[in-house]
Amino acid sequence: MKRAVALLAAVALAGCGTSANSGGQNLAEGKTFTMSVGADPGSLDPALTVLSVARQVGRFLYGRLIERTSSGEIVAGLAEKWDATVTTATFTLRQGITCADGAPLTAADVAANITFVGDPKNNSPLAGLQVAPGTTATADEAARTVTVTSGAPDAFLLTNVGTLPIVCAKGLSDRALLAKGEQGTGMFTISEIVPNDHYTLVRRKDFAWGPGDWEKDQQGLPDKVVVRVIANETTAVNLLLSGQLTAATVAGPDQERLFGQKLDHVDIATPLGTLWFNQAAGHPGQDPAVRRALVQGLDLGQVGKVLTNGKGRPSKSLVTVEPRPCTGDNVGPNLLAFDKAAATGALDSAGWRAGSDGVRSKDGTPLSVKLLQPTVLGPTVTSAAELIQQAWQAIGVRVEIQPADAAGINQTLFGTGAWDVSMAPVTLSLPSQLVPFASGPVPPQGVNFAHITNAEFAAESKKAASLAGAQGCEHWGKAESALVRDAGLVPYFDAVVPTFVKGARFTISDSIDPASIRMLAS
């Protein structure tokens, strides 16, 4: 099956941001919440995509067994009670949960959701990322319980399985319905899809299983949500200022206009400055000496400032979504410092000699790099790519920048493999979520698109997985540090990306939390 890479906050499965301030305004009834996304989400089947925009829309359509507060506290979702170790978990469902078409949600339905993702033959991209391959679940209808047996030890089993989007029985038997956003258990139902333009969602008035002690009859809830596909951030900002949008995430310099208008915003940190090196046979990154020289040849602090328009911060981990379960700095002490002379010396020692045109070659093969640059993350990414190109050309590397939209990134990383270095970020909320991206099967069987093989990472992450929650942080830290030292995966700068809001307030938990939206009176 076709895999999808998560850009920005797509894989941030269980973290929260702060809430936008309502400024003491009164709440309004009967309003529509309109938000922008940068690309069309495509299929909305939540078990078969990790694409950011698809998960943003799916957040409104599909409920979860548990939810998390901004402080990290686990509260009720579809489940009212739960218990878990690193190998098993049990969830007791709330009473009265119904599907979008009015059919009851059963414990067997929930168990089937989990087992589908855990079954390797279904090729879910969430297998290994959120649910260990081989994971199964059984149901006790009388007790309304679902018992999960993990296919491998999972330090964050409760959070991973508990935040899996849950669909209904008809969708499980006909996944074409799920691709259209139907058969959900969430707060909204899909009413209209116009591809590459907009998605309209209608609030379920019977929805009573929001997070914690959430009540369905409260003021300020939107009657509708419209998700507009707007690729250009300047256009999105203009629409927000004119009142045609309620919320827009703005990563580029256009955010200055909104800061100047003092618009409320909710911020989330993402490892926007990340370099992945393709280590498959035939690619320059297969050679550790080349990878390290390319990293040493970059002033990553300068690149990061250009990338984040001067508003970012040096990375400490690929896990950026708060609250982070492990808080150490795995990047700074292990990141190779900028040293152009050392970089050129390392390439000389590795047999890459400069020719008359300045381009290095070895055994007749030029040192050429295809730099994959996402176009959906704002103009600063283009500027950063050009800066990287200049720096690598200065040490004798031929660099071709490959701009690509979200679909192109997906096709290149998981399909053609025709790339050498990727700038596409993957945002994680748990350290265990890095494992399938940095080890194990490569596409099309897995999501290890960079073909990373790092024995220390594999060993330390295996140790960490057997320890519940933060107990394994020492090993998670060693695992991630090993990747950075080996220069196969290099997070170097985080962006604090604001989602601006006008006429509403909300919190972010991986994306906008539907149950938190409150519309404000004009």
Protein backbone atom coordinates (compact mmCIF):
# COMPACT_ATOMS: atom_id res chain seq x y z
CA MET A 1 0.00 0.00 0.00
CA LYS A 2 1.01 3.62 -0.34
CA ARG A 3 2.54 5.12 2.79
CA ALA A 4 2.20 8.71 3.93
CA VAL A 5 4.81 10.77 5.76
CA ALA A 6 3.74 13.06 8.56
CA LEU A 7 4.58 16.70 7.95
CA LEU A 8 4.55 19.09 10.91
CA ALA A 9 2.27 17.81 13.66
CA ALA A 10 0.87 14.77 12.02
CA VAL A 11 2.24 12.15 14.33
CA ALA A 12 1.88 14.20 17.49
CA LEU A 13 -0.64 11.73 18.80
CA ALA A 14 -1.14 12.77 22.39
CA GLY A 15 0.28 16.17 23.25
CA CYS A 16 -1.39 19.47 23.98
CA GLY A 17 -0.82 23.15 23.37
CA THR A 18 -2.01 26.12 25.36
CA SER A 19 -5.44 27.59 24.74
CA ALA A 20 -6.20 30.74 22.80
CA ASN A 21 -7.40 33.51 25.10
CA SER A 22 -11.05 34.53 24.79
CA GLY A 23 -10.34 37.97 26.25
CA GLY A 24 -13.46 37.75 28.41
CA GLN A 25 -15.80 37.82 25.39
CA ASN A 26 -19.23 36.23 25.53
CA LEU A 27 -19.86 32.89 23.85
CA ALA A 28 -21.97 32.68 20.69
CA GLU A 29 -24.40 30.03 19.44
CA GLY A 30 -25.03 28.64 15.97
CA LYS A 31 -21.73 29.71 14.43
CA THR A 32 -19.38 28.04 11.95
CA PHE A 33 -15.70 27.46 12.74
CA THR A 34 -13.63 27.77 9.55
CA MET A 35 -10.00 26.65 9.46
CA SER A 36 -7.40 26.33 6.73
CA VAL A 37 -5.11 23.46 5.82
CA GLY A 38 -2.23 23.62 3.35
CA ALA A 39 -3.12 20.59 1.22
CA ASP A 40 -6.00 18.28 0.43
CA PRO A 41 -6.19 15.45 3.00
CA GLY A 42 -7.09 12.72 0.51
CA SER A 43 -8.31 9.53 2.17
CA LEU A 44 -9.70 10.06 5.67
CA ASP A 45 -9.41 6.41 6.74
CA PRO A 46 -7.66 6.94 10.09
CA ALA A 47 -5.99 3.51 10.12
CA LEU A 48 -4.44 3.96 6.69
CA THR A 49 -2.89 7.45 6.84
CA VAL A 50 -0.48 9.48 8.92
CA LEU A 51 -0.69 12.51 6.62
CA SER A 52 -0.98 15.66 8.73
CA VAL A 53 -4.00 17.23 7.07
CA ALA A 54 -5.93 13.95 7.02
CA ARG A 55 -5.38 13.49 10.74
CA GLN A 56 -6.44 17.10 11.40
CA VAL A 57 -9.79 16.48 9.71
CA GLY A 58 -10.11 13.01 11.21
CA ARG A 59 -9.70 14.49 14.70
CA PHE A 60 -13.22 15.93 14.30
CA LEU A 61 -14.72 12.67 13.01
CA TYR A 62 -13.24 9.84 15.07
CA GLY A 63 -13.19 9.52 18.87
CA ARG A 64 -10.44 8.02 21.04
CA LEU A 65 -10.54 5.78 24.06
CA ILE A 66 -8.67 8.33 26.19
CA GLU A 67 -7.70 11.99 25.97
CA ARG A 68 -4.88 14.00 27.57
CA THR A 69 -4.89 17.42 29.17
CA SER A 70 -2.20 20.08 28.60
CA SER A 71 -0.50 18.89 31.80
CA GLY A 72 -0.35 15.31 30.55
CA GLU A 73 -3.20 13.96 32.67
CA ILE A 74 -5.13 11.12 31.05
CA VAL A 75 -8.90 11.62 31.08
CA ALA A 76 -11.91 9.74 29.76
CA GLY A 77 -12.74 9.59 26.07
CA LEU A 78 -14.76 6.70 24.68
CA ALA A 79 -13.52 4.75 27.71
CA GLU A 80 -14.50 5.62 31.27
CA LYS A 81 -11.89 3.38 32.95
CA TRP A 82 -8.55 1.86 31.93
CA ASP A 83 -5.54 -0.04 33.20
CA ALA A 84 -2.28 -0.88 31.44
CA THR A 85 1.21 -2.36 31.69
CA VAL A 86 3.82 -2.46 28.90
CA THR A 87 2.22 -5.60 27.43
CA THR A 88 -1.52 -5.46 28.18
CA ALA A 89 -4.26 -2.86 28.56
CA THR A 90 -7.95 -2.97 29.45
CA PHE A 91 -10.51 -0.29 28.61
CA THR A 92 -14.09 -0.06 29.89
CA LEU A 93 -16.33 1.80 27.45
CA ARG A 94 -18.79 4.48 28.49
CA GLN A 95 -22.43 3.62 28.11
CA GLY A 96 -24.51 4.98 25.27
CA ILE A 97 -21.83 5.66 22.65
CA THR A 98 -23.28 5.71 19.15
CA CYS A 99 -21.90 5.95 15.65
CA ALA A 100 -22.53 8.76 13.19
CA ASP A 101 -25.47 6.81 11.74
CA GLY A 102 -26.99 6.14 15.18
CA ALA A 103 -25.83 2.52 15.52
CA PRO A 104 -24.35 1.60 18.92
CA LEU A 105 -20.57 1.30 19.26
CA THR A 106 -19.75 -2.10 20.74
CA ALA A 107 -16.70 -3.39 22.54
CA ALA A 108 -16.21 -5.80 19.63
CA ASP A 109 -16.05 -2.85 17.24
CA VAL A 110 -13.31 -1.21 19.31
CA ALA A 111 -11.38 -4.49 19.54
CA ALA A 112 -11.62 -4.90 15.76
CA ASN A 113 -10.15 -1.39 15.25
CA ILE A 114 -7.08 -2.27 17.32
CA THR A 115 -6.63 -5.74 15.83
CA PHE A 116 -6.86 -4.34 12.27
CA VAL A 117 -3.94 -1.98 12.86
CA GLY A 118 -1.92 -4.68 14.63
CA ASP A 119 -2.38 -7.23 11.84
CA PRO A 120 0.64 -6.91 9.50
CA LYS A 121 -1.35 -8.06 6.46
CA ASN A 122 -3.39 -4.84 6.59
CA ASN A 123 -0.29 -2.67 6.09
CA SER A 124 -1.48 0.11 8.38
CA PRO A 125 1.14 2.88 8.66
CA LEU A 126 0.18 3.07 12.35
CA ALA A 127 1.56 -0.43 12.89
CA GLY A 128 4.90 -0.02 14.63
CA LEU A 129 4.22 3.68 15.05
CA GLN A 130 1.20 3.60 17.37
CA VAL A 131 0.37 -0.09 17.67
CA ALA A 132 2.99 -2.85 17.79
CA PRO A 133 2.67 -5.36 14.93
CA GLY A 134 0.96 -8.49 16.20
CA THR A 135 -1.20 -6.60 18.70
CA THR A 136 -4.65 -8.12 19.22
CA ALA A 137 -7.74 -7.15 21.21
CA THR A 138 -10.73 -9.05 22.56
CA ALA A 139 -14.12 -7.85 23.78
CA ASP A 140 -16.48 -8.61 26.65
CA GLU A 141 -19.79 -7.06 25.64
CA ALA A 142 -21.49 -7.65 28.97
CA ALA A 143 -18.75 -5.81 30.84
CA ARG A 144 -18.17 -3.29 28.00
CA THR A 145 -14.45 -4.06 28.19
CA VAL A 146 -11.73 -4.30 25.56
CA THR A 147 -8.54 -6.19 26.49
CA VAL A 148 -5.42 -5.48 24.43
CA THR A 149 -2.37 -7.73 24.16
CA SER A 150 0.55 -5.90 22.63
CA GLY A 151 2.62 -7.62 19.95
CA ALA A 152 5.77 -6.31 21.66
CA PRO A 153 6.55 -4.46 24.89
CA ASP A 154 5.42 -0.85 24.59
CA ALA A 155 6.48 1.67 27.22
CA PHE A 156 3.56 3.91 26.24
CA LEU A 157 0.95 1.25 25.50
CA LEU A 158 -1.88 3.09 27.26
CA THR A 159 -1.30 6.34 25.36
CA ASN A 160 -0.56 4.70 22.02
CA VAL A 161 -3.54 2.35 21.89
CA GLY A 162 -5.75 4.75 23.84
CA THR A 163 -5.37 7.53 21.27
CA LEU A 164 -6.06 5.32 18.24
CA PRO A 165 -8.96 6.82 16.22
CA ILE A 166 -11.99 4.53 16.56
CA VAL A 167 -14.39 3.84 13.68
CA CYS A 168 -17.69 1.96 13.54
CA ALA A 169 -18.64 -1.51 12.33
CA LYS A 170 -19.89 -0.56 8.85
CA GLY A 171 -16.61 1.27 8.20
CA LEU A 172 -14.61 -1.76 9.31
CA SER A 173 -16.44 -3.88 6.73
CA ASP A 174 -16.32 -1.22 3.99
CA ARG A 175 -13.27 1.00 4.32
CA ALA A 176 -14.35 3.06 1.31
CA LEU A 177 -16.80 4.70 3.73
CA LEU A 178 -13.91 5.64 6.04
CA ALA A 179 -11.96 7.15 3.15
CA LYS A 180 -14.88 9.59 2.81
CA GLY A 181 -14.91 10.36 6.55
CA GLU A 182 -18.05 8.37 7.32
CA GLN A 183 -18.80 5.88 10.13
CA GLY A 184 -17.14 7.94 12.84
CA THR A 185 -17.45 8.08 16.62
CA GLY A 186 -16.43 11.71 17.03
CA MET A 187 -18.12 15.01 17.66
CA PHE A 188 -18.78 15.83 13.99
CA THR A 189 -20.00 14.09 10.84
CA ILE A 190 -18.95 14.83 7.30
CA SER A 191 -21.61 16.53 5.17
CA GLU A 192 -19.74 17.71 2.07
CA ILE A 193 -16.39 17.08 0.37
CA VAL A 194 -15.12 19.23 -2.47
CA PRO A 195 -11.57 17.94 -3.09
CA ASN A 196 -8.83 20.58 -3.04
CA ASP A 197 -11.37 23.19 -1.93
CA HIS A 198 -13.27 22.48 1.30
CA TYR A 199 -14.68 19.89 3.71
CA THR A 200 -17.86 20.66 5.68
CA LEU A 201 -18.60 18.97 8.99
CA VAL A 202 -21.75 19.13 11.13
CA ARG A 203 -21.79 18.77 14.93
CA ARG A 204 -23.61 15.78 16.38
CA LYS A 205 -26.11 17.06 18.93
CA ASP A 206 -26.11 13.64 20.66
CA PHE A 207 -22.34 13.64 21.27
CA ALA A 208 -21.86 13.19 25.04
CA TRP A 209 -18.49 11.42 25.35
CA GLY A 210 -16.11 14.36 25.13
CA PRO A 211 -12.91 14.46 27.23
CA GLY A 212 -13.17 13.99 30.99
CA ASP A 213 -16.41 15.33 32.45
CA TRP A 214 -17.27 17.22 29.26
CA GLU A 215 -21.00 17.96 28.86
CA LYS A 216 -22.83 18.12 25.55
CA ASP A 217 -25.17 20.97 26.48
CA GLN A 218 -22.85 23.95 26.81
CA GLN A 219 -22.56 27.34 25.21
CA GLY A 220 -20.28 28.32 22.38
CA LEU A 221 -19.94 25.03 20.52
CA PRO A 222 -19.85 25.50 16.73
CA ASP A 223 -22.72 24.01 14.75
CA LYS A 224 -20.46 23.48 11.74
CA VAL A 225 -16.77 23.25 10.91
CA VAL A 226 -15.48 24.09 7.44
CA VAL A 227 -11.95 22.99 6.56
CA ARG A 228 -10.68 25.02 3.61
CA VAL A 229 -7.74 23.85 1.50
CA ILE A 230 -5.50 26.92 1.07
CA ALA A 231 -1.95 26.22 -0.09
CA ASN A 232 -0.74 29.84 0.06
CA GLU A 233 -0.14 31.24 3.56
CA THR A 234 -0.53 34.84 2.40
CA THR A 235 -3.99 34.00 1.10
CA ALA A 236 -4.88 32.29 4.39
CA VAL A 237 -3.73 35.34 6.37
CA ASN A 238 -5.79 37.68 4.19
CA LEU A 239 -8.87 35.51 4.71
CA LEU A 240 -8.30 35.37 8.46
CA LEU A 241 -7.96 39.15 8.74
CA SER A 242 -11.11 39.66 6.65
CA GLY A 243 -13.11 37.30 8.85
CA GLN A 244 -13.49 34.52 6.26
CA LEU A 245 -11.37 32.16 8.37
CA THR A 246 -11.54 31.52 12.10
CA ALA A 247 -8.15 29.80 12.42
CA ALA A 248 -4.99 29.40 10.34
CA THR A 249 -1.60 27.89 11.07
CA VAL A 250 1.11 30.22 9.74
CA ALA A 251 4.73 29.07 9.74
CA GLY A 252 6.23 31.72 7.47
CA PRO A 253 6.91 35.47 7.62
CA ASP A 254 3.22 36.33 7.09
CA GLN A 255 2.75 35.63 10.77
CA GLU A 256 4.27 39.05 11.49
CA ARG A 257 1.12 40.68 10.11
CA LEU A 258 -0.99 38.72 12.55
CA PHE A 259 1.29 39.39 15.51
CA GLY A 260 1.00 43.07 14.57
CA GLN A 261 -2.79 42.81 14.75
CA LYS A 262 -2.40 41.18 18.20
CA LEU A 263 -4.45 38.16 17.19
CA ASP A 264 -4.70 35.35 19.71
CA HIS A 265 -2.72 32.22 18.85
CA VAL A 266 -1.98 28.70 20.06
CA ASP A 267 1.63 27.55 19.65
CA ILE A 268 3.14 24.11 19.10
CA ALA A 269 6.83 23.27 18.71
CA THR A 270 7.90 21.21 15.71
CA PRO A 271 11.37 19.98 14.66
CA LEU A 272 11.15 21.95 11.43
CA GLY A 273 14.94 21.86 11.04
CA THR A 274 15.54 18.15 10.42
CA LEU A 275 17.81 16.40 7.92
CA TRP A 276 17.30 12.76 6.95
CA PHE A 277 20.10 11.06 4.98
CA ASN A 278 19.17 8.25 2.61
CA GLN A 279 21.40 5.32 3.60
CA ALA A 280 20.17 2.92 0.90
CA ALA A 281 22.76 1.36 -1.40
CA GLY A 282 23.92 3.70 -4.14
CA HIS A 283 23.27 6.93 -2.22
CA PRO A 284 26.05 9.17 -0.83
CA GLY A 285 24.51 8.94 2.64
CA GLN A 286 25.28 5.24 2.80
CA ASP A 287 28.85 6.28 3.73
CA PRO A 288 29.05 7.56 7.35
CA ALA A 289 32.05 9.72 6.43
CA VAL A 290 30.02 11.55 3.79
CA ARG A 291 27.08 12.07 6.15
CA ARG A 292 29.30 13.51 8.85
CA ALA A 293 31.14 15.75 6.40
CA LEU A 294 27.85 17.12 5.10
CA VAL A 295 26.73 17.94 8.64
CA GLN A 296 30.08 19.52 9.51
CA GLY A 297 29.87 21.60 6.35
CA LEU A 298 26.73 23.36 7.57
CA ASP A 299 26.35 26.21 10.02
CA LEU A 300 23.14 24.67 11.33
CA GLY A 301 22.53 27.54 13.73
CA GLN A 302 22.45 29.96 10.80
CA VAL A 303 20.30 27.61 8.70
CA GLY A 304 17.90 27.25 11.62
CA LYS A 305 17.52 30.99 12.04
CA VAL A 306 16.71 31.39 8.34
CA LEU A 307 14.31 28.45 8.50
CA THR A 308 12.38 29.83 11.48
CA ASN A 309 12.66 33.51 10.56
CA GLY A 310 14.77 34.05 13.67
CA LYS A 311 12.09 32.73 16.03
CA GLY A 312 13.19 29.14 16.55
CA ARG A 313 15.44 27.37 19.02
CA PRO A 314 18.09 24.64 18.84
CA SER A 315 16.60 21.15 18.96
CA LYS A 316 16.93 18.92 21.98
CA SER A 317 14.96 15.97 20.62
CA LEU A 318 12.71 14.89 17.78
CA VAL A 319 9.97 14.70 20.41
CA THR A 320 8.71 18.27 20.72
CA VAL A 321 5.04 18.02 21.67
CA GLU A 322 4.42 18.98 25.28
CA PRO A 323 4.31 17.51 27.80
CA ARG A 324 7.42 15.55 26.79
CA PRO A 325 7.77 12.31 28.78
CA CYS A 326 11.58 12.54 28.55
CA THR A 327 13.14 15.98 28.85
CA GLY A 328 16.86 15.49 28.20
CA ASP A 329 18.95 17.12 25.44
CA ASN A 330 19.85 14.34 23.03
CA VAL A 331 20.94 16.64 20.19
CA GLY A 332 23.26 19.42 21.41
CA PRO A 333 26.02 17.26 22.94
CA ASN A 334 26.00 14.88 19.95
CA LEU A 335 25.64 17.23 16.98
CA LEU A 336 28.79 17.76 14.89
CA ALA A 337 29.86 21.40 15.05
CA PHE A 338 30.30 23.55 11.93
CA ASP A 339 33.87 23.10 10.67
CA LYS A 340 34.37 23.58 6.95
CA ALA A 341 38.05 22.56 7.07
CA ALA A 342 37.21 19.35 8.91
CA ALA A 343 34.45 18.60 6.41
CA THR A 344 36.73 18.99 3.40
CA GLY A 345 39.44 16.98 5.13
CA ALA A 346 37.01 14.16 5.87
CA LEU A 347 35.90 14.01 2.25
CA ASP A 348 39.54 13.97 1.11
CA SER A 349 40.27 11.10 3.49
CA ALA A 350 37.24 9.20 2.24
CA GLY A 351 38.57 9.40 -1.31
CA TRP A 352 36.31 12.16 -2.65
CA ARG A 353 38.70 14.41 -4.60
CA ALA A 354 37.84 17.79 -6.12
CA GLY A 355 38.03 18.06 -9.91
CA SER A 356 38.84 21.06 -12.09
CA ASP A 357 35.23 22.23 -11.77
CA GLY A 358 35.41 22.01 -7.97
CA VAL A 359 33.01 19.05 -7.77
CA ARG A 360 34.34 16.05 -5.88
CA SER A 361 34.27 12.56 -7.33
CA LYS A 362 35.37 9.05 -6.41
CA ASP A 363 36.07 6.26 -8.87
CA GLY A 364 34.60 8.45 -11.61
CA THR A 365 31.34 9.12 -9.75
CA PRO A 366 30.63 12.77 -8.80
CA LEU A 367 29.51 13.56 -5.25
CA SER A 368 25.97 14.63 -6.10
CA VAL A 369 23.08 15.16 -3.68
CA LYS A 370 19.35 15.49 -4.34
CA LEU A 371 17.93 17.68 -1.56
CA LEU A 372 14.19 17.06 -1.05
CA GLN A 373 12.48 20.31 0.01
CA PRO A 374 8.83 20.48 1.11
CA THR A 375 6.92 23.34 -0.48
CA VAL A 376 3.99 23.23 1.97
CA LEU A 377 5.89 24.60 4.97
CA GLY A 378 6.35 28.20 3.88
CA PRO A 379 8.94 30.26 1.97
CA THR A 380 11.60 30.09 4.69
CA VAL A 381 12.13 26.42 3.86
CA THR A 382 13.08 27.43 0.31
CA SER A 383 15.59 29.97 1.67
CA ALA A 384 17.06 27.36 4.03
CA ALA A 385 17.40 24.86 1.18
CA GLU A 386 19.29 27.42 -0.89
CA LEU A 387 21.61 28.13 2.06
CA ILE A 388 22.31 24.40 2.46
CA GLN A 389 22.97 24.13 -1.26
CA GLN A 390 25.51 26.97 -1.15
CA ALA A 391 27.31 25.51 1.88
CA TRP A 392 27.64 22.05 0.35
CA GLN A 393 28.71 23.42 -3.01
CA ALA A 394 31.47 25.26 -1.14
CA ILE A 395 32.94 21.91 -0.03
CA GLY A 396 32.70 20.35 -3.50
CA VAL A 397 29.26 18.75 -3.51
CA ARG A 398 26.88 19.07 -6.44
CA VAL A 399 23.42 19.83 -5.02
CA GLU A 400 20.08 19.64 -6.80
CA ILE A 401 17.13 21.04 -4.85
CA GLN A 402 13.93 19.02 -5.39
CA PRO A 403 10.85 21.03 -4.36
CA ALA A 404 7.81 18.83 -3.65
CA ASP A 405 4.32 19.22 -2.22
CA ALA A 406 2.90 16.82 0.39
CA ALA A 407 1.91 14.22 -2.20
CA GLY A 408 5.31 14.50 -3.88
CA ILE A 409 7.13 14.08 -0.57
CA ASN A 410 5.08 10.96 0.12
CA GLN A 411 5.72 9.49 -3.31
CA THR A 412 9.46 10.21 -3.21
CA LEU A 413 10.16 8.95 0.31
CA PHE A 414 7.89 5.89 0.21
CA GLY A 415 7.73 5.24 -3.51
CA THR A 416 10.56 6.13 -5.85
CA GLY A 417 13.31 6.55 -3.24
CA ALA A 418 14.90 9.10 -5.60
CA TRP A 419 16.33 11.41 -2.93
CA ASP A 420 19.55 11.75 -0.94
CA VAL A 421 18.74 14.24 1.83
CA SER A 422 15.25 15.16 2.99
CA MET A 423 14.16 18.30 4.83
CA ALA A 424 10.70 16.87 5.64
CA PRO A 425 10.07 17.00 9.41
CA VAL A 426 8.23 14.35 11.42
CA THR A 427 6.80 15.59 14.71
CA LEU A 428 6.50 13.09 17.55
CA SER A 429 4.90 13.20 20.97
CA LEU A 430 6.46 9.98 22.31
CA PRO A 431 10.02 8.66 21.86
CA SER A 432 8.70 5.22 20.94
CA GLN A 433 7.13 6.72 17.80
CA LEU A 434 10.62 7.26 16.35
CA VAL A 435 11.37 3.51 16.27
CA PRO A 436 9.63 2.56 12.99
CA PHE A 437 11.08 5.62 11.23
CA ALA A 438 14.65 4.86 12.34
CA SER A 439 14.79 1.05 12.30
CA GLY A 440 13.10 -2.02 10.89
CA PRO A 441 11.38 -2.51 7.54
CA VAL A 442 11.85 -0.05 4.70
CA PRO A 443 9.15 0.94 2.19
CA PRO A 444 6.86 -0.54 1.04
CA GLN A 445 6.81 -2.92 4.02
CA GLY A 446 7.64 -0.23 6.61
CA VAL A 447 8.20 3.49 7.19
CA ASN A 448 12.00 3.41 7.64
CA PHE A 449 12.29 5.51 4.48
CA ALA A 450 15.91 6.54 5.17
CA HIS A 451 17.03 2.88 5.38
CA ILE A 452 18.60 3.52 8.79
CA THR A 453 20.47 0.67 10.46
CA ASN A 454 21.91 1.68 13.83
CA ALA A 455 22.66 -1.14 16.26
CA GLU A 456 22.90 1.12 19.32
CA PHE A 457 19.55 2.76 18.54
CA ALA A 458 17.89 -0.63 18.11
CA ALA A 459 19.35 -2.03 21.35
CA GLU A 460 18.60 1.00 23.52
CA SER A 461 15.07 1.47 22.19
CA LYS A 462 14.37 -2.21 22.86
CA LYS A 463 15.50 -1.79 26.47
CA ALA A 464 13.40 1.35 26.85
CA ALA A 465 10.27 -0.32 25.46
CA SER A 466 10.22 -2.80 28.34
CA LEU A 467 10.07 -0.01 30.94
CA ALA A 468 6.79 1.81 31.51
CA GLY A 469 6.61 5.50 30.63
CA ALA A 470 9.38 7.74 31.89
CA GLN A 471 11.21 4.83 33.53
CA GLY A 472 12.89 4.19 30.19
CA CYS A 473 13.98 7.76 29.50
CA GLU A 474 17.68 7.02 29.99
CA HIS A 475 17.54 4.42 27.25
CA TRP A 476 15.34 6.53 24.95
CA GLY A 477 17.91 9.31 25.32
CA LYS A 478 20.80 7.01 24.43
CA ALA A 479 18.89 5.67 21.43
CA GLU A 480 18.21 9.09 19.94
CA SER A 481 21.73 10.31 20.74
CA ALA A 482 23.14 7.39 18.74
CA LEU A 483 21.25 8.53 15.63
CA VAL A 484 22.51 12.10 15.94
CA ARG A 485 26.14 11.02 16.49
CA ASP A 486 25.93 8.80 13.41
CA ALA A 487 24.58 11.75 11.37
CA GLY A 488 21.85 9.63 9.82
CA LEU A 489 19.00 11.66 11.28
CA VAL A 490 19.80 15.19 12.40
CA PRO A 491 17.24 17.40 14.17
CA TYR A 492 18.89 20.79 14.61
CA PHE A 493 16.29 23.56 15.00
CA ASP A 494 12.71 23.70 16.31
CA ALA A 495 10.08 26.09 15.07
CA VAL A 496 7.38 27.39 17.37
CA VAL A 497 4.47 27.43 14.93
CA PRO A 498 1.42 29.51 15.87
CA THR A 499 -2.17 28.78 14.91
CA PHE A 500 -3.89 32.17 14.86
CA VAL A 501 -7.54 32.52 15.78
CA LYS A 502 -10.17 35.21 15.36
CA GLY A 503 -13.62 34.88 16.88
CA ALA A 504 -13.05 31.67 18.84
CA ARG A 505 -10.85 29.92 21.36
CA PHE A 506 -9.54 26.34 21.55
CA THR A 507 -6.68 24.12 22.67
CA ILE A 508 -4.42 21.97 20.53
CA SER A 509 -3.92 18.28 21.24
CA ASP A 510 -1.92 17.08 18.21
CA SER A 511 -4.25 19.34 16.20
CA ILE A 512 -7.20 21.53 17.11
CA ASP A 513 -9.23 19.71 19.76
CA PRO A 514 -12.87 19.81 18.56
CA ALA A 515 -14.32 19.58 22.08
CA SER A 516 -12.36 22.67 23.17
CA ILE A 517 -13.67 25.04 20.48
CA ARG A 518 -15.82 27.88 21.76
CA MET A 519 -17.19 30.49 19.38
CA LEU A 520 -17.15 34.10 20.56
CA ALA A 521 -19.71 36.83 20.08
CA SER A 522 -18.66 39.57 17.67
